[in-house]
C-alpha cells in the first residue's frame, strides 16, 4: 500500500479485465477480503439515444409485430440479463 492508501493492481489482472487508467472500481468488504469490481459508466443521454436507435431498428425489421410484443420481449431480455448479473455477483 502506498501513500494515500493507493494500491497497485498486477498487470495480469488489469489486462484480463481490460482495466484502463481512469476506470472506476467499486470496493466491497467480504469477511477479511477486499473485493474490487470494475464499474461501467454510461452517459445516460448517449445510452438512451443508442437504445432508441436499436429499438427503431428492431421495429423496422419487425413491422408485423405489435409494439406491445416488442416491449414484452425487451423487458424479458432485460430481466434475463439482470438474473445473470446476480448469479455472477
PDB file of N, CA and C in Angstrom:
ATOM      1  N   UNK A   1       0.843  -1.165   0.000  1.00  0.00           N
ATOM      2  CA  UNK A   1       0.000   0.000   0.000  1.00  0.00           C
ATOM      3  C   UNK A   1       0.893   1.234   0.000  1.00  0.00           C
ATOM      4  N   UNK A   2       0.569   2.182  -0.861  1.00  0.00           N
ATOM      5  CA  UNK A   2       1.369   3.397  -0.998  1.00  0.00           C
ATOM      6  C   UNK A   2       0.789   4.516  -0.133  1.00  0.00           C
ATOM      7  N   UNK A   3       1.482   5.677  -0.191  1.00  0.00           N
ATOM      8  CA  UNK A   3       0.947   6.867   0.470  1.00  0.00           C
ATOM      9  C   UNK A   3      -0.478   7.097  -0.027  1.00  0.00           C
ATOM     10  N   UNK A   4      -1.279   7.696   0.786  1.00  0.00           N
ATOM     11  CA  UNK A   4      -2.686   7.979   0.447  1.00  0.00           C
ATOM     12  C   UNK A   4      -3.469   6.685   0.226  1.00  0.00           C
ATOM     13  N   UNK A   5      -2.935   5.578   0.724  1.00  0.00           N
ATOM     14  CA  UNK A   5      -3.604   4.273   0.688  1.00  0.00           C
ATOM     15  C   UNK A   5      -3.892   3.774  -0.725  1.00  0.00           C
ATOM     16  N   UNK A   6      -3.037   4.088  -1.677  1.00  0.00           N
ATOM     17  CA  UNK A   6      -3.184   3.608  -3.039  1.00  0.00           C
ATOM     18  C   UNK A   6      -2.610   2.207  -3.156  1.00  0.00           C
ATOM     19  N   UNK A   7      -3.230   1.383  -4.009  1.00  0.00           N
ATOM     20  CA  UNK A   7      -2.740   0.028  -4.258  1.00  0.00           C
ATOM     21  C   UNK A   7      -2.494  -0.147  -5.753  1.00  0.00           C
ATOM     22  N   UNK A   8      -1.635  -1.078  -6.102  1.00  0.00           N
ATOM     23  CA  UNK A   8      -1.342  -1.387  -7.494  1.00  0.00           C
ATOM     24  C   UNK A   8      -1.969  -2.725  -7.839  1.00  0.00           C
ATOM     25  N   UNK A   9      -2.702  -2.752  -8.932  1.00  0.00           N
ATOM     26  CA  UNK A   9      -3.309  -3.992  -9.412  1.00  0.00           C
ATOM     27  C   UNK A   9      -2.318  -4.624 -10.385  1.00  0.00           C
ATOM     28  N   UNK A  10      -1.968  -5.883 -10.174  1.00  0.00           N
ATOM     29  CA  UNK A  10      -0.992  -6.542 -11.053  1.00  0.00           C
ATOM     30  C   UNK A  10      -1.394  -6.497 -12.534  1.00  0.00           C
ATOM     31  N   UNK A  11      -0.394  -6.391 -13.393  1.00  0.00           N
ATOM     32  CA  UNK A  11      -0.604  -6.278 -14.837  1.00  0.00           C
ATOM     33  C   UNK A  11      -1.499  -7.393 -15.372  1.00  0.00           C
ATOM     34  N   UNK A  12      -1.250  -8.630 -14.971  1.00  0.00           N
ATOM     35  CA  UNK A  12      -2.027  -9.766 -15.476  1.00  0.00           C
ATOM     36  C   UNK A  12      -3.521  -9.569 -15.215  1.00  0.00           C
ATOM     37  N   UNK A  13      -3.858  -9.102 -14.021  1.00  0.00           N
ATOM     38  CA  UNK A  13      -5.269  -8.891 -13.664  1.00  0.00           C
ATOM     39  C   UNK A  13      -5.840  -7.716 -14.449  1.00  0.00           C
ATOM     40  N   UNK A  14      -5.078  -6.624 -14.560  1.00  0.00           N
ATOM     41  CA  UNK A  14      -5.552  -5.451 -15.324  1.00  0.00           C
ATOM     42  C   UNK A  14      -5.838  -5.831 -16.764  1.00  0.00           C
ATOM     43  N   UNK A  15      -4.927  -6.595 -17.362  1.00  0.00           N
ATOM     44  CA  UNK A  15      -5.107  -6.994 -18.759  1.00  0.00           C
ATOM     45  C   UNK A  15      -6.283  -7.950 -18.919  1.00  0.00           C
ATOM     46  N   UNK A  16      -6.414  -8.884 -17.988  1.00  0.00           N
ATOM     47  CA  UNK A  16      -7.508  -9.864 -18.063  1.00  0.00           C
ATOM     48  C   UNK A  16      -8.866  -9.176 -17.995  1.00  0.00           C
ATOM     49  N   UNK A  17      -8.958  -8.121 -17.185  1.00  0.00           N
ATOM     50  CA  UNK A  17     -10.219  -7.403 -17.030  1.00  0.00           C
ATOM     51  C   UNK A  17     -10.354  -6.218 -17.974  1.00  0.00           C
ATOM     52  N   UNK A  18      -9.284  -5.924 -18.721  1.00  0.00           N
ATOM     53  CA  UNK A  18      -9.324  -4.799 -19.646  1.00  0.00           C
ATOM     54  C   UNK A  18      -9.391  -3.454 -18.944  1.00  0.00           C
ATOM     55  N   UNK A  19      -8.790  -3.350 -17.757  1.00  0.00           N
ATOM     56  CA  UNK A  19      -8.821  -2.106 -16.996  1.00  0.00           C
ATOM     57  C   UNK A  19      -7.881  -1.076 -17.594  1.00  0.00           C
ATOM     58  N   UNK A  20      -8.314   0.167 -17.590  1.00  0.00           N
ATOM     59  CA  UNK A  20      -7.528   1.281 -18.107  1.00  0.00           C
ATOM     60  C   UNK A  20      -7.431   2.366 -17.041  1.00  0.00           C
ATOM     61  N   UNK A  21      -6.454   3.248 -17.177  1.00  0.00           N
ATOM     62  CA  UNK A  21      -6.326   4.386 -16.273  1.00  0.00           C
ATOM     63  C   UNK A  21      -7.621   5.188 -16.333  1.00  0.00           C
ATOM     64  N   UNK A  22      -8.162   5.529 -15.191  1.00  0.00           N
ATOM     65  CA  UNK A  22      -9.398   6.298 -15.128  1.00  0.00           C
ATOM     66  C   UNK A  22     -10.645   5.455 -14.940  1.00  0.00           C
ATOM     67  N   UNK A  23     -10.544   4.135 -15.128  1.00  0.00           N
ATOM     68  CA  UNK A  23     -11.698   3.269 -14.891  1.00  0.00           C
ATOM     69  C   UNK A  23     -12.097   3.335 -13.422  1.00  0.00           C
ATOM     70  N   UNK A  24     -13.380   3.169 -13.174  1.00  0.00           N
ATOM     71  CA  UNK A  24     -13.878   3.188 -11.808  1.00  0.00           C
ATOM     72  C   UNK A  24     -14.008   1.767 -11.268  1.00  0.00           C
ATOM     73  N   UNK A  25     -13.670   1.599  -9.999  1.00  0.00           N
ATOM     74  CA  UNK A  25     -13.798   0.314  -9.323  1.00  0.00           C
ATOM     75  C   UNK A  25     -14.663   0.498  -8.084  1.00  0.00           C
ATOM     76  N   UNK A  26     -15.508  -0.475  -7.830  1.00  0.00           N
ATOM     77  CA  UNK A  26     -16.312  -0.493  -6.607  1.00  0.00           C
ATOM     78  C   UNK A  26     -15.580  -1.381  -5.607  1.00  0.00           C
ATOM     79  N   UNK A  27     -15.422  -0.889  -4.383  1.00  0.00           N
ATOM     80  CA  UNK A  27     -14.750  -1.668  -3.340  1.00  0.00           C
ATOM     81  C   UNK A  27     -15.794  -2.187  -2.367  1.00  0.00           C
ATOM     82  N   UNK A  28     -15.630  -3.456  -1.977  1.00  0.00           N
ATOM     83  CA  UNK A  28     -16.544  -4.081  -1.036  1.00  0.00           C
ATOM     84  C   UNK A  28     -15.722  -4.943  -0.080  1.00  0.00           C
ATOM     85  N   UNK A  29     -16.234  -5.146   1.113  1.00  0.00           N
ATOM     86  CA  UNK A  29     -15.563  -5.997   2.095  1.00  0.00           C
ATOM     87  C   UNK A  29     -16.389  -7.261   2.259  1.00  0.00           C
ATOM     88  N   UNK A  30     -15.723  -8.398   2.097  1.00  0.00           N
ATOM     89  CA  UNK A  30     -16.354  -9.702   2.307  1.00  0.00           C
ATOM     90  C   UNK A  30     -15.478 -10.450   3.298  1.00  0.00           C
ATOM     91  N   UNK A  31     -15.938 -10.488   4.568  1.00  0.00           N
ATOM     92  CA  UNK A  31     -15.113 -11.081   5.619  1.00  0.00           C
ATOM     93  C   UNK A  31     -13.890 -10.220   5.815  1.00  0.00           C
ATOM     94  N   UNK A  32     -12.709 -10.815   5.657  1.00  0.00           N
ATOM     95  CA  UNK A  32     -11.477 -10.040   5.772  1.00  0.00           C
ATOM     96  C   UNK A  32     -10.821  -9.825   4.403  1.00  0.00           C
ATOM     97  N   UNK A  33     -11.650  -9.818   3.360  1.00  0.00           N
ATOM     98  CA  UNK A  33     -11.171  -9.684   1.989  1.00  0.00           C
ATOM     99  C   UNK A  33     -11.751  -8.417   1.359  1.00  0.00           C
ATOM    100  N   UNK A  34     -10.911  -7.690   0.630  1.00  0.00           N
ATOM    101  CA  UNK A  34     -11.375  -6.534  -0.134  1.00  0.00           C
ATOM    102  C   UNK A  34     -11.635  -7.005  -1.557  1.00  0.00           C
ATOM    103  N   UNK A  35     -12.830  -6.741  -2.061  1.00  0.00           N
ATOM    104  CA  UNK A  35     -13.212  -7.139  -3.415  1.00  0.00           C
ATOM    105  C   UNK A  35     -13.377  -5.869  -4.242  1.00  0.00           C
ATOM    106  N   UNK A  36     -12.640  -5.788  -5.349  1.00  0.00           N
ATOM    107  CA  UNK A  36     -12.752  -4.658  -6.274  1.00  0.00           C
ATOM    108  C   UNK A  36     -13.482  -5.125  -7.527  1.00  0.00           C
ATOM    109  N   UNK A  37     -14.525  -4.373  -7.910  1.00  0.00           N
ATOM    110  CA  UNK A  37     -15.303  -4.724  -9.102  1.00  0.00           C
ATOM    111  C   UNK A  37     -15.288  -3.554 -10.074  1.00  0.00           C
ATOM    112  N   UNK A  38     -14.928  -3.812 -11.345  1.00  0.00           N
ATOM    113  CA  UNK A  38     -14.987  -2.742 -12.345  1.00  0.00           C
ATOM    114  C   UNK A  38     -16.428  -2.262 -12.510  1.00  0.00           C
ATOM    115  N   UNK A  39     -16.577  -0.953 -12.670  1.00  0.00           N
ATOM    116  CA  UNK A  39     -17.894  -0.365 -12.872  1.00  0.00           C
ATOM    117  C   UNK A  39     -17.985   0.206 -14.276  1.00  0.00           C
ATOM    118  N   UNK A  40     -19.122  -0.027 -14.924  1.00  0.00           N
ATOM    119  CA  UNK A  40     -19.340   0.524 -16.246  1.00  0.00           C
ATOM    120  C   UNK A  40     -20.065   1.854 -16.073  1.00  0.00           C
ATOM    121  N   UNK A  41     -19.501   2.895 -16.642  1.00  0.00           N
ATOM    122  CA  UNK A  41     -20.119   4.201 -16.584  1.00  0.00           C
ATOM    123  C   UNK A  41     -20.651   4.511 -17.970  1.00  0.00           C
ATOM    124  N   UNK A  42     -21.935   4.827 -18.031  1.00  0.00           N
ATOM    125  CA  UNK A  42     -22.571   5.107 -19.310  1.00  0.00           C
ATOM    126  C   UNK A  42     -23.238   6.472 -19.217  1.00  0.00           C
ATOM    127  N   UNK A  43     -22.953   7.310 -20.189  1.00  0.00           N
ATOM    128  CA  UNK A  43     -23.615   8.601 -20.236  1.00  0.00           C
ATOM    129  C   UNK A  43     -25.079   8.345 -20.602  1.00  0.00           C
ATOM    130  N   UNK A  44     -25.970   8.758 -19.742  1.00  0.00           N
ATOM    131  CA  UNK A  44     -27.390   8.438 -19.910  1.00  0.00           C
ATOM    132  C   UNK A  44     -27.966   8.908 -21.238  1.00  0.00           C
ATOM    133  N   UNK A  45     -27.634  10.103 -21.649  1.00  0.00           N
ATOM    134  CA  UNK A  45     -28.195  10.628 -22.897  1.00  0.00           C
ATOM    135  C   UNK A  45     -27.753   9.777 -24.078  1.00  0.00           C
ATOM    136  N   UNK A  46     -26.459   9.452 -24.138  1.00  0.00           N
ATOM    137  CA  UNK A  46     -25.959   8.624 -25.240  1.00  0.00           C
ATOM    138  C   UNK A  46     -26.564   7.223 -25.184  1.00  0.00           C
ATOM    139  N   UNK A  47     -26.685   6.668 -23.987  1.00  0.00           N
ATOM    140  CA  UNK A  47     -27.266   5.336 -23.837  1.00  0.00           C
ATOM    141  C   UNK A  47     -28.720   5.334 -24.297  1.00  0.00           C
ATOM    142  N   UNK A  48     -29.472   6.370 -23.926  1.00  0.00           N
ATOM    143  CA  UNK A  48     -30.873   6.447 -24.321  1.00  0.00           C
ATOM    144  C   UNK A  48     -30.995   6.605 -25.830  1.00  0.00           C
ATOM    145  N   UNK A  49     -30.138   7.460 -26.410  1.00  0.00           N
ATOM    146  CA  UNK A  49     -30.166   7.642 -27.864  1.00  0.00           C
ATOM    147  C   UNK A  49     -29.858   6.334 -28.577  1.00  0.00           C
ATOM    148  N   UNK A  50     -28.857   5.600 -28.080  1.00  0.00           N
ATOM    149  CA  UNK A  50     -28.493   4.314 -28.694  1.00  0.00           C
ATOM    150  C   UNK A  50     -29.630   3.308 -28.546  1.00  0.00           C
ATOM    151  N   UNK A  51     -30.265   3.305 -27.381  1.00  0.00           N
ATOM    152  CA  UNK A  51     -31.396   2.410 -27.152  1.00  0.00           C
ATOM    153  C   UNK A  51     -32.524   2.732 -28.135  1.00  0.00           C
ATOM    154  N   UNK A  52     -32.793   4.025 -28.345  1.00  0.00           N
ATOM    155  CA  UNK A  52     -33.841   4.431 -29.282  1.00  0.00           C
ATOM    156  C   UNK A  52     -33.499   3.966 -30.702  1.00  0.00           C
ATOM    157  N   UNK A  53     -32.215   4.099 -31.080  1.00  0.00           N
ATOM    158  CA  UNK A  53     -31.786   3.641 -32.404  1.00  0.00           C
ATOM    159  C   UNK A  53     -32.026   2.145 -32.564  1.00  0.00           C
ATOM    160  N   UNK A  54     -31.611   1.388 -31.548  1.00  0.00           N
ATOM    161  CA  UNK A  54     -31.788  -0.060 -31.609  1.00  0.00           C
ATOM    162  C   UNK A  54     -33.259  -0.435 -31.664  1.00  0.00           C
ATOM    163  N   UNK A  55     -34.062   0.239 -30.866  1.00  0.00           N
ATOM    164  CA  UNK A  55     -35.499  -0.048 -30.841  1.00  0.00           C
ATOM    165  C   UNK A  55     -36.126   0.271 -32.197  1.00  0.00           C
ATOM    166  N   UNK A  56     -35.729   1.386 -32.804  1.00  0.00           N
ATOM    167  CA  UNK A  56     -36.243   1.748 -34.131  1.00  0.00           C
ATOM    168  C   UNK A  56     -35.833   0.701 -35.164  1.00  0.00           C
ATOM    169  N   UNK A  57     -34.592   0.242 -35.057  1.00  0.00           N
ATOM    170  CA  UNK A  57     -34.093  -0.774 -35.978  1.00  0.00           C
ATOM    171  C   UNK A  57     -34.890  -2.070 -35.835  1.00  0.00           C
ATOM    172  N   UNK A  58     -35.113  -2.478 -34.603  1.00  0.00           N
ATOM    173  CA  UNK A  58     -35.901  -3.695 -34.351  1.00  0.00           C
ATOM    174  C   UNK A  58     -37.320  -3.513 -34.874  1.00  0.00           C
ATOM    175  N   UNK A  59     -37.889  -2.351 -34.609  1.00  0.00           N
ATOM    176  CA  UNK A  59     -39.261  -2.078 -35.051  1.00  0.00           C
ATOM    177  C   UNK A  59     -39.353  -2.116 -36.580  1.00  0.00           C
ATOM    178  N   UNK A  60     -38.368  -1.552 -37.241  1.00  0.00           N
ATOM    179  CA  UNK A  60     -38.362  -1.533 -38.705  1.00  0.00           C
ATOM    180  C   UNK A  60     -38.304  -2.954 -39.272  1.00  0.00           C
ATOM    181  N   UNK A  61     -37.497  -3.812 -38.644  1.00  0.00           N
ATOM    182  CA  UNK A  61     -37.349  -5.192 -39.132  1.00  0.00           C
ATOM    183  C   UNK A  61     -38.537  -6.073 -38.763  1.00  0.00           C
ATOM    184  N   UNK A  62     -39.342  -5.622 -37.820  1.00  0.00           N
ATOM    185  CA  UNK A  62     -40.457  -6.447 -37.342  1.00  0.00           C
ATOM    186  C   UNK A  62     -41.776  -5.692 -37.419  1.00  0.00           C
ATOM    187  N   UNK A  63     -42.055  -5.127 -38.575  1.00  0.00           N
ATOM    188  CA  UNK A  63     -43.266  -4.314 -38.739  1.00  0.00           C
ATOM    189  C   UNK A  63     -44.542  -5.098 -38.452  1.00  0.00           C
ATOM    190  N   UNK A  64     -44.494  -6.411 -38.635  1.00  0.00           N
ATOM    191  CA  UNK A  64     -45.690  -7.225 -38.420  1.00  0.00           C
ATOM    192  C   UNK A  64     -45.887  -7.606 -36.954  1.00  0.00           C
ATOM    193  N   UNK A  65     -44.983  -7.178 -36.092  1.00  0.00           N
ATOM    194  CA  UNK A  65     -45.104  -7.467 -34.661  1.00  0.00           C
ATOM    195  C   UNK A  65     -45.529  -6.186 -33.953  1.00  0.00           C
ATOM    196  N   UNK A  66     -46.482  -6.313 -33.033  1.00  0.00           N
ATOM    197  CA  UNK A  66     -47.005  -5.127 -32.345  1.00  0.00           C
ATOM    198  C   UNK A  66     -45.977  -4.528 -31.388  1.00  0.00           C
ATOM    199  N   UNK A  67     -46.161  -3.249 -31.073  1.00  0.00           N
ATOM    200  CA  UNK A  67     -45.286  -2.566 -30.117  1.00  0.00           C
ATOM    201  C   UNK A  67     -45.309  -3.269 -28.764  1.00  0.00           C
ATOM    202  N   UNK A  68     -46.480  -3.759 -28.374  1.00  0.00           N
ATOM    203  CA  UNK A  68     -46.614  -4.445 -27.084  1.00  0.00           C
ATOM    204  C   UNK A  68     -45.753  -5.711 -27.046  1.00  0.00           C
ATOM    205  N   UNK A  69     -45.757  -6.471 -28.151  1.00  0.00           N
ATOM    206  CA  UNK A  69     -44.948  -7.691 -28.210  1.00  0.00           C
ATOM    207  C   UNK A  69     -43.453  -7.370 -28.148  1.00  0.00           C
ATOM    208  N   UNK A  70     -43.057  -6.316 -28.852  1.00  0.00           N
ATOM    209  CA  UNK A  70     -41.649  -5.915 -28.831  1.00  0.00           C
ATOM    210  C   UNK A  70     -41.259  -5.476 -27.430  1.00  0.00           C
ATOM    211  N   UNK A  71     -42.097  -4.658 -26.786  1.00  0.00           N
ATOM    212  CA  UNK A  71     -41.811  -4.194 -25.435  1.00  0.00           C
ATOM    213  C   UNK A  71     -41.714  -5.371 -24.471  1.00  0.00           C
ATOM    214  N   UNK A  72     -42.601  -6.330 -24.610  1.00  0.00           N
ATOM    215  CA  UNK A  72     -42.569  -7.518 -23.755  1.00  0.00           C
ATOM    216  C   UNK A  72     -41.261  -8.290 -23.948  1.00  0.00           C
ATOM    217  N   UNK A  73     -40.832  -8.457 -25.192  1.00  0.00           N
ATOM    218  CA  UNK A  73     -39.565  -9.148 -25.470  1.00  0.00           C
ATOM    219  C   UNK A  73     -38.377  -8.402 -24.870  1.00  0.00           C
ATOM    220  N   UNK A  74     -38.383  -7.074 -25.000  1.00  0.00           N
ATOM    221  CA  UNK A  74     -37.294  -6.266 -24.444  1.00  0.00           C
ATOM    222  C   UNK A  74     -37.255  -6.415 -22.931  1.00  0.00           C
ATOM    223  N   UNK A  75     -38.402  -6.315 -22.274  1.00  0.00           N
ATOM    224  CA  UNK A  75     -38.454  -6.434 -20.816  1.00  0.00           C
ATOM    225  C   UNK A  75     -38.004  -7.820 -20.353  1.00  0.00           C
ATOM    226  N   UNK A  76     -38.386  -8.861 -21.064  1.00  0.00           N
ATOM    227  CA  UNK A  76     -37.951 -10.219 -20.723  1.00  0.00           C
ATOM    228  C   UNK A  76     -36.432 -10.337 -20.847  1.00  0.00           C
ATOM    229  N   UNK A  77     -35.880  -9.757 -21.903  1.00  0.00           N
ATOM    230  CA  UNK A  77     -34.431  -9.805 -22.106  1.00  0.00           C
ATOM    231  C   UNK A  77     -33.705  -9.069 -20.986  1.00  0.00           C
ATOM    232  N   UNK A  78     -34.206  -7.910 -20.599  1.00  0.00           N
ATOM    233  CA  UNK A  78     -33.606  -7.147 -19.503  1.00  0.00           C
ATOM    234  C   UNK A  78     -33.633  -7.969 -18.218  1.00  0.00           C
ATOM    235  N   UNK A  79     -34.750  -8.622 -17.932  1.00  0.00           N
ATOM    236  CA  UNK A  79     -34.855  -9.453 -16.727  1.00  0.00           C
ATOM    237  C   UNK A  79     -33.857 -10.604 -16.761  1.00  0.00           C
ATOM    238  N   UNK A  80     -33.684 -11.232 -17.917  1.00  0.00           N
ATOM    239  CA  UNK A  80     -32.721 -12.329 -18.047  1.00  0.00           C
ATOM    240  C   UNK A  80     -31.296 -11.847 -17.792  1.00  0.00           C
ATOM    241  N   UNK A  81     -30.949 -10.683 -18.338  1.00  0.00           N
ATOM    242  CA  UNK A  81     -29.610 -10.121 -18.143  1.00  0.00           C
ATOM    243  C   UNK A  81     -29.384  -9.826 -16.669  1.00  0.00           C
ATOM    244  N   UNK A  82     -30.373  -9.254 -16.003  1.00  0.00           N
ATOM    245  CA  UNK A  82     -30.242  -8.943 -14.572  1.00  0.00           C
ATOM    246  C   UNK A  82     -30.064 -10.211 -13.746  1.00  0.00           C
ATOM    247  N   UNK A  83     -30.792 -11.273 -14.086  1.00  0.00           N
ATOM    248  CA  UNK A  83     -30.644 -12.544 -13.370  1.00  0.00           C
ATOM    249  C   UNK A  83     -29.230 -13.085 -13.519  1.00  0.00           C
ATOM    250  N   UNK A  84     -28.686 -13.001 -14.736  1.00  0.00           N
ATOM    251  CA  UNK A  84     -27.316 -13.475 -14.975  1.00  0.00           C
ATOM    252  C   UNK A  84     -26.310 -12.656 -14.183  1.00  0.00           C
ATOM    253  N   UNK A  85     -26.511 -11.340 -14.114  1.00  0.00           N
ATOM    254  CA  UNK A  85     -25.601 -10.488 -13.343  1.00  0.00           C
ATOM    255  C   UNK A  85     -25.647 -10.865 -11.860  1.00  0.00           C
ATOM    256  N   UNK A  86     -26.845 -11.129 -11.344  1.00  0.00           N
ATOM    257  CA  UNK A  86     -26.969 -11.502  -9.931  1.00  0.00           C
ATOM    258  C   UNK A  86     -26.291 -12.832  -9.651  1.00  0.00           C
ATOM    259  N   UNK A  87     -26.367 -13.754 -10.595  1.00  0.00           N
ATOM    260  CA  UNK A  87     -25.707 -15.054 -10.418  1.00  0.00           C
ATOM    261  C   UNK A  87     -24.199 -14.897 -10.332  1.00  0.00           C
ATOM    262  N   UNK A  88     -23.652 -13.977 -11.156  1.00  0.00           N
ATOM    263  CA  UNK A  88     -22.197 -13.766 -11.180  1.00  0.00           C
ATOM    264  C   UNK A  88     -21.701 -13.007  -9.950  1.00  0.00           C
ATOM    265  N   UNK A  89     -22.580 -12.200  -9.358  1.00  0.00           N
ATOM    266  CA  UNK A  89     -22.165 -11.372  -8.208  1.00  0.00           C
ATOM    267  C   UNK A  89     -22.001 -12.179  -6.941  1.00  0.00           C
TER     268      UNK A  89
END
